[in-house]
Every structure is written in C-alpha cells, then in structure tokens.
Amino acid sequence: MMEDELARFDKSINEFGNKFRNTFSDTRCQMVGLRDVFKDSIEALAEKLSVKLKEEEQMIEMFLEYQNQISRQNKLIQEKKDTLLKLITEVKDKKQEMEVLTAKIQDLKEEYSRKKETISNANKANKERLKRLQKSADLYKDRLGLEIRKIYGNKLQFIFTNIDPKHPERPFMFSLHLNEARDYEVSDSAPHLECLAEFQENVRKTNNFSAFIANVRKAFTAMVYN
C-alpha cells in the first residue's frame, strides 16, 4: 500500500519536473524572441529619432537663417529710413533757405524800386532846377554879360564879362553843382573871391539864386575897382 503511494508520488514529481522544464524552455524561447523584437524596435526607434533630430536641426538652421535674413532686411530698411529722413531734412532746410533768399530778393527789389524812384524824382528835380538855371542864364547873358556852360562832373560854369571896363572880354568865373544833400556848392572861382563861401550859405538858406548871381557879379566888380 505504501509502495503504491510512493510510486504515485514519484510519478507526480517526475511529471511536474517534465512540465516545468518544458514550460521553462518555452518561456526562454519566448524571452529570446521578445528580446530580439525589442532590440529591433529600439533600433528602428533610434533610427527614426535620428532622422527626426536631423530634420529638427535642419529646421533650426532654416529658422536661424530666416532670422538673420529678417535682421539684415530690418537693418537695410532702417538705413534707407535714416537716409530718407536725412534727405527730407535737407529738403526742408533748402526750402527754408530758398524762402529766406526769396524774401531777401524781394526786399532788394523793393529797396531798388524805392531808390530808383528816389533817384528818378531827384533827377526830375535837378532837371527842373537846371532848366530854371538855364532860363535865368539866358536872361543874365543878355543883361549881365553872363554865360553858363556845362562842364565835367555835372557842374555848371558861370562866366561873367563886361566887368572890367578896360578889358570887357576878360572872364570872371566860378563853378556850381548840387551835392549829395541836393544843396548848392560853389567852387573854382577865378579870380578867387573870399566872400564866395558866405554867398553859398545864403543861397542855401534863401534859395534866391538871382540874388546870389547878382552878389557874385558885384563882388567881381568890386575887385576890379579896388
């Protein structure tokens, strides 16, 4: 009875051992297969990751290059903007200079016009005075033996004759012109008259030219008889 039990137990032990060995063998084969699959998967994943990293590196390089291009473009735009602002400032300055120059030219034109009008009026006045002098000269020539000539420097030369009874043709003369103040100015008397300056001041004050001529003739006459 005991032997039978032992035999069955021994048989059970052997069966278990066989099953365990078979199971371990199958499991080992499965582990080797899984290891190979895992290794292949890892290699495939590593290859994909490598490709992905290269693509990302290329993307980063492209992005950096794009940033550099943007930076260069921005720099060029800023330089052109600065150049444009400089040109605008220069144009404004030139415009202001032109406005100032135009204003100065206009002022000069107006000043020239005023001076031209003043000179024209002065010339008209001089012509009128010379006309009156010439008219008086004609009268004096007939009555007083006086001749008036126009000489250099816009001067009038007054020549008296018939003063010296011994030499009726002997000339007694002086010159007259209008100075910048438009006043009478007497010079070049021959023979010299000391009182000529006094006569000049009187004619400037009174503007009585007839009296001035008469006084000069009297002074020349007095010189002859003295």
C-alpha atoms as a PDB file:
ATOM      1  CA  MET A   1       0.000   0.000   0.000  1.00  0.00           C
ATOM      2  CA  MET A   2       2.754   2.387   0.993  1.00  0.00           C
ATOM      3  CA  GLU A   3       4.763   1.463  -2.030  1.00  0.00           C
ATOM      4  CA  ASP A   4       1.921   2.280  -4.319  1.00  0.00           C
ATOM      5  CA  GLU A   5       1.564   5.687  -2.748  1.00  0.00           C
ATOM      6  CA  LEU A   6       5.260   6.348  -3.126  1.00  0.00           C
ATOM      7  CA  ALA A   7       5.187   5.243  -6.719  1.00  0.00           C
ATOM      8  CA  ARG A   8       2.341   7.619  -7.499  1.00  0.00           C
ATOM      9  CA  PHE A   9       4.120  10.472  -5.702  1.00  0.00           C
ATOM     10  CA  ASP A  10       7.334   9.783  -7.569  1.00  0.00           C
ATOM     11  CA  LYS A  11       5.407   9.725 -10.816  1.00  0.00           C
ATOM     12  CA  SER A  12       3.747  13.033  -9.948  1.00  0.00           C
ATOM     13  CA  ILE A  13       7.112  14.555  -9.131  1.00  0.00           C
ATOM     14  CA  ASN A  14       8.555  13.445 -12.462  1.00  0.00           C
ATOM     15  CA  GLU A  15       5.556  14.763 -14.367  1.00  0.00           C
ATOM     16  CA  PHE A  16       5.855  18.116 -12.629  1.00  0.00           C
ATOM     17  CA  GLY A  17       9.533  18.250 -13.396  1.00  0.00           C
ATOM     18  CA  ASN A  18       8.946  17.477 -17.047  1.00  0.00           C
ATOM     19  CA  LYS A  19       6.200  20.090 -17.274  1.00  0.00           C
ATOM     20  CA  PHE A  20       8.411  22.701 -15.543  1.00  0.00           C
ATOM     21  CA  ARG A  21      11.307  22.001 -17.878  1.00  0.00           C
ATOM     22  CA  ASN A  22       9.038  22.189 -20.910  1.00  0.00           C
ATOM     23  CA  THR A  23       7.430  25.372 -19.627  1.00  0.00           C
ATOM     24  CA  PHE A  24      10.830  26.982 -18.835  1.00  0.00           C
ATOM     25  CA  SER A  25      12.134  26.022 -22.242  1.00  0.00           C
ATOM     26  CA  ASP A  26       9.118  27.570 -23.946  1.00  0.00           C
ATOM     27  CA  THR A  27       9.376  30.699 -21.768  1.00  0.00           C
ATOM     28  CA  ARG A  28      13.074  31.051 -22.571  1.00  0.00           C
ATOM     29  CA  CYS A  29      12.354  30.851 -26.256  1.00  0.00           C
ATOM     30  CA  GLN A  30       9.645  33.461 -25.857  1.00  0.00           C
ATOM     31  CA  MET A  31      12.044  35.728 -23.917  1.00  0.00           C
ATOM     32  CA  VAL A  32      14.664  35.432 -26.622  1.00  0.00           C
ATOM     33  CA  GLY A  33      12.032  36.291 -29.209  1.00  0.00           C
ATOM     34  CA  LEU A  34      10.825  39.238 -27.196  1.00  0.00           C
ATOM     35  CA  ARG A  35      14.403  40.409 -26.722  1.00  0.00           C
ATOM     36  CA  ASP A  36      15.022  40.308 -30.444  1.00  0.00           C
ATOM     37  CA  VAL A  37      11.761  42.132 -31.155  1.00  0.00           C
ATOM     38  CA  PHE A  38      12.582  44.755 -28.518  1.00  0.00           C
ATOM     39  CA  LYS A  39      16.069  45.185 -29.935  1.00  0.00           C
ATOM     40  CA  ASP A  40      14.683  45.646 -33.443  1.00  0.00           C
ATOM     41  CA  SER A  41      12.111  48.085 -32.113  1.00  0.00           C
ATOM     42  CA  ILE A  42      14.769  50.053 -30.268  1.00  0.00           C
ATOM     43  CA  GLU A  43      16.948  50.215 -33.375  1.00  0.00           C
ATOM     44  CA  ALA A  44      14.009  51.307 -35.524  1.00  0.00           C
ATOM     45  CA  LEU A  45      13.025  53.907 -32.931  1.00  0.00           C
ATOM     46  CA  ALA A  46      16.622  55.123 -32.685  1.00  0.00           C
ATOM     47  CA  GLU A  47      16.798  55.454 -36.457  1.00  0.00           C
ATOM     48  CA  LYS A  48      13.527  57.361 -36.530  1.00  0.00           C
ATOM     49  CA  LEU A  49      14.713  59.590 -33.693  1.00  0.00           C
ATOM     50  CA  SER A  50      17.974  60.228 -35.550  1.00  0.00           C
ATOM     51  CA  VAL A  51      16.081  61.195 -38.689  1.00  0.00           C
ATOM     52  CA  LYS A  52      13.756  63.355 -36.624  1.00  0.00           C
ATOM     53  CA  LEU A  53      16.676  65.077 -34.909  1.00  0.00           C
ATOM     54  CA  LYS A  54      18.326  65.796 -38.264  1.00  0.00           C
ATOM     55  CA  GLU A  55      15.068  67.250 -39.566  1.00  0.00           C
ATOM     56  CA  GLU A  56      14.732  69.394 -36.450  1.00  0.00           C
ATOM     57  CA  GLU A  57      18.344  70.532 -36.787  1.00  0.00           C
ATOM     58  CA  GLN A  58      17.643  71.489 -40.386  1.00  0.00           C
ATOM     59  CA  MET A  59      14.510  73.315 -39.266  1.00  0.00           C
ATOM     60  CA  ILE A  60      16.504  75.159 -36.593  1.00  0.00           C
ATOM     61  CA  GLU A  61      19.175  76.106 -39.144  1.00  0.00           C
ATOM     62  CA  MET A  62      16.487  77.312 -41.550  1.00  0.00           C
ATOM     63  CA  PHE A  63      14.834  79.284 -38.755  1.00  0.00           C
ATOM     64  CA  LEU A  64      18.138  80.892 -37.730  1.00  0.00           C
ATOM     65  CA  GLU A  65      18.918  81.745 -41.358  1.00  0.00           C
ATOM     66  CA  TYR A  66      15.440  83.216 -41.718  1.00  0.00           C
ATOM     67  CA  GLN A  67      16.039  85.300 -38.565  1.00  0.00           C
ATOM     68  CA  ASN A  68      19.355  86.509 -39.993  1.00  0.00           C
ATOM     69  CA  GLN A  69      17.664  87.471 -43.246  1.00  0.00           C
ATOM     70  CA  ILE A  70      14.954  89.327 -41.322  1.00  0.00           C
ATOM     71  CA  SER A  71      17.651  91.093 -39.281  1.00  0.00           C
ATOM     72  CA  ARG A  72      19.548  92.115 -42.428  1.00  0.00           C
ATOM     73  CA  GLN A  73      16.347  93.300 -44.068  1.00  0.00           C
ATOM     74  CA  ASN A  74      15.421  95.316 -40.979  1.00  0.00           C
ATOM     75  CA  LYS A  75      18.907  96.856 -40.960  1.00  0.00           C
ATOM     76  CA  LEU A  76      18.611  97.801 -44.643  1.00  0.00           C
ATOM     77  CA  ILE A  77      15.139  99.230 -44.056  1.00  0.00           C
ATOM     78  CA  GLN A  78      16.431 101.293 -41.118  1.00  0.00           C
ATOM     79  CA  GLU A  79      19.365 102.570 -43.171  1.00  0.00           C
ATOM     80  CA  LYS A  80      17.033 103.563 -46.011  1.00  0.00           C
ATOM     81  CA  LYS A  81      14.687 105.168 -43.495  1.00  0.00           C
ATOM     82  CA  ASP A  82      17.563 107.166 -41.977  1.00  0.00           C
ATOM     83  CA  THR A  83      18.717 108.204 -45.458  1.00  0.00           C
ATOM     84  CA  LEU A  84      15.190 109.256 -46.374  1.00  0.00           C
ATOM     85  CA  LEU A  85      14.790 111.259 -43.151  1.00  0.00           C
ATOM     86  CA  LYS A  86      18.141 112.940 -43.852  1.00  0.00           C
ATOM     87  CA  LEU A  87      17.036 113.822 -47.376  1.00  0.00           C
ATOM     88  CA  ILE A  88      13.722 115.165 -46.066  1.00  0.00           C
ATOM     89  CA  THR A  89      15.599 117.310 -43.533  1.00  0.00           C
ATOM     90  CA  GLU A  90      17.944 118.599 -46.250  1.00  0.00           C
ATOM     91  CA  VAL A  91      14.981 119.391 -48.499  1.00  0.00           C
ATOM     92  CA  LYS A  92      13.282 121.270 -45.648  1.00  0.00           C
ATOM     93  CA  ASP A  93      16.495 123.190 -44.943  1.00  0.00           C
ATOM     94  CA  LYS A  94      16.883 124.019 -48.650  1.00  0.00           C
ATOM     95  CA  LYS A  95      13.248 125.095 -48.756  1.00  0.00           C
ATOM     96  CA  GLN A  96      13.772 127.391 -45.755  1.00  0.00           C
ATOM     97  CA  GLU A  97      16.956 128.776 -47.318  1.00  0.00           C
ATOM     98  CA  MET A  98      15.062 129.349 -50.557  1.00  0.00           C
ATOM     99  CA  GLU A  99      12.268 131.123 -48.679  1.00  0.00           C
ATOM    100  CA  VAL A 100      14.811 133.327 -46.880  1.00  0.00           C
ATOM    101  CA  LEU A 101      16.623 134.019 -50.153  1.00  0.00           C
ATOM    102  CA  THR A 102      13.345 134.799 -51.906  1.00  0.00           C
ATOM    103  CA  ALA A 103      12.400 137.200 -49.099  1.00  0.00           C
ATOM    104  CA  LYS A 104      15.816 138.905 -49.349  1.00  0.00           C
ATOM    105  CA  ILE A 105      15.483 139.186 -53.121  1.00  0.00           C
ATOM    106  CA  GLN A 106      12.020 140.697 -52.688  1.00  0.00           C
ATOM    107  CA  ASP A 107      13.391 143.174 -50.126  1.00  0.00           C
ATOM    108  CA  LEU A 108      16.207 144.094 -52.503  1.00  0.00           C
ATOM    109  CA  LYS A 109      13.721 144.560 -55.334  1.00  0.00           C
ATOM    110  CA  GLU A 110      11.581 146.815 -53.168  1.00  0.00           C
ATOM    111  CA  GLU A 111      14.625 148.748 -51.971  1.00  0.00           C
ATOM    112  CA  TYR A 112      15.863 149.077 -55.558  1.00  0.00           C
ATOM    113  CA  SER A 113      12.423 150.262 -56.615  1.00  0.00           C
ATOM    114  CA  ARG A 114      12.378 152.860 -53.827  1.00  0.00           C
ATOM    115  CA  LYS A 115      15.896 154.053 -54.662  1.00  0.00           C
ATOM    116  CA  LYS A 116      15.087 154.104 -58.335  1.00  0.00           C
ATOM    117  CA  GLU A 117      12.026 156.209 -57.634  1.00  0.00           C
ATOM    118  CA  THR A 118      14.062 158.491 -55.353  1.00  0.00           C
ATOM    119  CA  ILE A 119      16.776 158.882 -57.982  1.00  0.00           C
ATOM    120  CA  SER A 120      14.156 159.458 -60.662  1.00  0.00           C
ATOM    121  CA  ASN A 121      12.477 162.126 -58.559  1.00  0.00           C
ATOM    122  CA  ALA A 122      15.862 163.689 -57.786  1.00  0.00           C
ATOM    123  CA  ASN A 123      16.770 163.690 -61.472  1.00  0.00           C
ATOM    124  CA  LYS A 124      13.463 165.305 -62.326  1.00  0.00           C
ATOM    125  CA  ALA A 125      14.042 167.923 -59.656  1.00  0.00           C
ATOM    126  CA  ASN A 126      17.581 168.534 -60.916  1.00  0.00           C
ATOM    127  CA  LYS A 127      16.342 168.859 -64.465  1.00  0.00           C
ATOM    128  CA  GLU A 128      13.775 171.392 -63.331  1.00  0.00           C
ATOM    129  CA  ARG A 129      16.372 173.327 -61.381  1.00  0.00           C
ATOM    130  CA  LEU A 130      18.822 173.207 -64.276  1.00  0.00           C
ATOM    131  CA  LYS A 131      16.056 174.335 -66.599  1.00  0.00           C
ATOM    132  CA  ARG A 132      15.334 177.296 -64.346  1.00  0.00           C
ATOM    133  CA  LEU A 133      19.057 177.997 -64.135  1.00  0.00           C
ATOM    134  CA  GLN A 134      19.383 177.873 -67.911  1.00  0.00           C
ATOM    135  CA  LYS A 135      16.406 180.185 -68.265  1.00  0.00           C
ATOM    136  CA  SER A 136      17.974 182.558 -65.819  1.00  0.00           C
ATOM    137  CA  ALA A 137      21.290 182.181 -67.639  1.00  0.00           C
ATOM    138  CA  ASP A 138      19.765 183.297 -70.879  1.00  0.00           C
ATOM    139  CA  LEU A 139      18.378 186.330 -69.129  1.00  0.00           C
ATOM    140  CA  TYR A 140      21.673 187.048 -67.385  1.00  0.00           C
ATOM    141  CA  LYS A 141      23.636 186.611 -70.582  1.00  0.00           C
ATOM    142  CA  ASP A 142      21.664 189.314 -72.276  1.00  0.00           C
ATOM    143  CA  ARG A 143      21.612 191.733 -69.360  1.00  0.00           C
ATOM    144  CA  LEU A 144      24.722 190.959 -67.330  1.00  0.00           C
ATOM    145  CA  GLY A 145      27.111 189.507 -69.898  1.00  0.00           C
ATOM    146  CA  LEU A 146      26.819 186.093 -68.233  1.00  0.00           C
ATOM    147  CA  GLU A 147      27.433 182.761 -69.982  1.00  0.00           C
ATOM    148  CA  ILE A 148      26.724 179.390 -68.391  1.00  0.00           C
ATOM    149  CA  ARG A 149      28.442 176.215 -69.605  1.00  0.00           C
ATOM    150  CA  LYS A 150      28.011 172.621 -68.548  1.00  0.00           C
ATOM    151  CA  ILE A 151      31.415 171.092 -67.712  1.00  0.00           C
ATOM    152  CA  TYR A 152      32.824 167.888 -66.191  1.00  0.00           C
ATOM    153  CA  GLY A 153      31.294 166.383 -63.022  1.00  0.00           C
ATOM    154  CA  ASN A 154      27.793 167.683 -63.814  1.00  0.00           C
ATOM    155  CA  LYS A 155      28.957 171.166 -62.949  1.00  0.00           C
ATOM    156  CA  LEU A 156      27.815 174.472 -64.383  1.00  0.00           C
ATOM    157  CA  GLN A 157      30.441 177.107 -65.080  1.00  0.00           C
ATOM    158  CA  PHE A 158      29.318 180.728 -64.786  1.00  0.00           C
ATOM    159  CA  ILE A 159      31.378 183.202 -66.862  1.00  0.00           C
ATOM    160  CA  PHE A 160      30.912 186.948 -66.447  1.00  0.00           C
ATOM    161  CA  THR A 161      32.168 189.511 -68.962  1.00  0.00           C
ATOM    162  CA  ASN A 162      31.758 193.276 -69.314  1.00  0.00           C
ATOM    163  CA  ILE A 163      33.022 193.768 -65.757  1.00  0.00           C
ATOM    164  CA  ASP A 164      36.443 195.270 -66.398  1.00  0.00           C
ATOM    165  CA  PRO A 165      35.943 198.473 -68.438  1.00  0.00           C
ATOM    166  CA  LYS A 166      39.491 198.270 -69.733  1.00  0.00           C
ATOM    167  CA  HIS A 167      39.070 194.653 -70.816  1.00  0.00           C
ATOM    168  CA  PRO A 168      35.367 193.934 -71.462  1.00  0.00           C
ATOM    169  CA  GLU A 169      36.033 190.400 -72.688  1.00  0.00           C
ATOM    170  CA  ARG A 170      38.011 189.450 -69.587  1.00  0.00           C
ATOM    171  CA  PRO A 171      36.249 186.499 -67.970  1.00  0.00           C
ATOM    172  CA  PHE A 172      35.310 186.266 -64.297  1.00  0.00           C
ATOM    173  CA  MET A 173      34.050 182.802 -63.426  1.00  0.00           C
ATOM    174  CA  PHE A 174      33.050 180.182 -60.848  1.00  0.00           C
ATOM    175  CA  SER A 175      31.574 176.687 -60.909  1.00  0.00           C
ATOM    176  CA  LEU A 176      28.386 175.398 -59.312  1.00  0.00           C
ATOM    177  CA  HIS A 177      26.876 171.935 -58.725  1.00  0.00           C
ATOM    178  CA  LEU A 178      24.432 170.173 -56.455  1.00  0.00           C
ATOM    179  CA  ASN A 179      25.979 167.969 -53.760  1.00  0.00           C
ATOM    180  CA  GLU A 180      24.558 164.716 -52.336  1.00  0.00           C
ATOM    181  CA  ALA A 181      22.337 166.699 -49.957  1.00  0.00           C
ATOM    182  CA  ARG A 182      20.899 168.481 -53.028  1.00  0.00           C
ATOM    183  CA  ASP A 183      22.365 171.800 -51.880  1.00  0.00           C
ATOM    184  CA  TYR A 184      24.234 174.355 -53.992  1.00  0.00           C
ATOM    185  CA  GLU A 185      28.014 174.018 -53.809  1.00  0.00           C
ATOM    186  CA  VAL A 186      30.277 176.698 -55.286  1.00  0.00           C
ATOM    187  CA  SER A 187      33.928 176.189 -56.322  1.00  0.00           C
ATOM    188  CA  ASP A 188      36.721 177.160 -58.734  1.00  0.00           C
ATOM    189  CA  SER A 189      36.261 180.940 -58.720  1.00  0.00           C
ATOM    190  CA  ALA A 190      38.704 182.852 -60.890  1.00  0.00           C
ATOM    191  CA  PRO A 191      39.824 185.261 -59.724  1.00  0.00           C
ATOM    192  CA  HIS A 192      39.377 183.989 -56.179  1.00  0.00           C
ATOM    193  CA  LEU A 193      36.583 185.503 -54.069  1.00  0.00           C
ATOM    194  CA  GLU A 194      36.889 185.301 -50.279  1.00  0.00           C
ATOM    195  CA  CYS A 195      33.189 186.008 -49.841  1.00  0.00           C
ATOM    196  CA  LEU A 196      32.071 183.142 -52.091  1.00  0.00           C
ATOM    197  CA  ALA A 197      31.524 180.758 -49.119  1.00  0.00           C
ATOM    198  CA  GLU A 198      29.250 183.329 -47.489  1.00  0.00           C
ATOM    199  CA  PHE A 199      27.240 183.694 -50.698  1.00  0.00           C
ATOM    200  CA  GLN A 200      26.938 179.900 -50.863  1.00  0.00           C
ATOM    201  CA  GLU A 201      25.452 179.706 -47.337  1.00  0.00           C
ATOM    202  CA  ASN A 202      22.993 182.494 -48.132  1.00  0.00           C
ATOM    203  CA  VAL A 203      21.682 180.869 -51.322  1.00  0.00           C
ATOM    204  CA  ARG A 204      21.274 177.563 -49.458  1.00  0.00           C
ATOM    205  CA  LYS A 205      19.159 179.293 -46.825  1.00  0.00           C
ATOM    206  CA  THR A 206      17.101 181.591 -49.051  1.00  0.00           C
ATOM    207  CA  ASN A 207      17.131 179.625 -52.332  1.00  0.00           C
ATOM    208  CA  ASN A 208      17.235 183.057 -54.018  1.00  0.00           C
ATOM    209  CA  PHE A 209      19.515 182.244 -56.926  1.00  0.00           C
ATOM    210  CA  SER A 210      19.065 185.590 -58.705  1.00  0.00           C
ATOM    211  CA  ALA A 211      20.335 187.434 -55.658  1.00  0.00           C
ATOM    212  CA  PHE A 212      23.259 185.003 -55.433  1.00  0.00           C
ATOM    213  CA  ILE A 213      24.321 185.719 -59.049  1.00  0.00           C
ATOM    214  CA  ALA A 214      23.958 189.439 -58.561  1.00  0.00           C
ATOM    215  CA  ASN A 215      26.094 189.356 -55.401  1.00  0.00           C
ATOM    216  CA  VAL A 216      28.843 187.372 -57.136  1.00  0.00           C
ATOM    217  CA  ARG A 217      28.940 189.877 -60.021  1.00  0.00           C
ATOM    218  CA  LYS A 218      29.089 192.741 -57.579  1.00  0.00           C
ATOM    219  CA  ALA A 219      31.984 191.080 -55.777  1.00  0.00           C
ATOM    220  CA  PHE A 220      33.915 190.627 -59.046  1.00  0.00           C
ATOM    221  CA  THR A 221      33.167 194.252 -59.998  1.00  0.00           C
ATOM    222  CA  ALA A 222      34.351 195.479 -56.601  1.00  0.00           C
ATOM    223  CA  MET A 223      37.568 193.527 -57.087  1.00  0.00           C
ATOM    224  CA  VAL A 224      38.226 195.327 -60.378  1.00  0.00           C
ATOM    225  CA  TYR A 225      37.663 198.801 -58.972  1.00  0.00           C
ATOM    226  CA  ASN A 226      39.596 198.130 -55.818  1.00  0.00           C
END
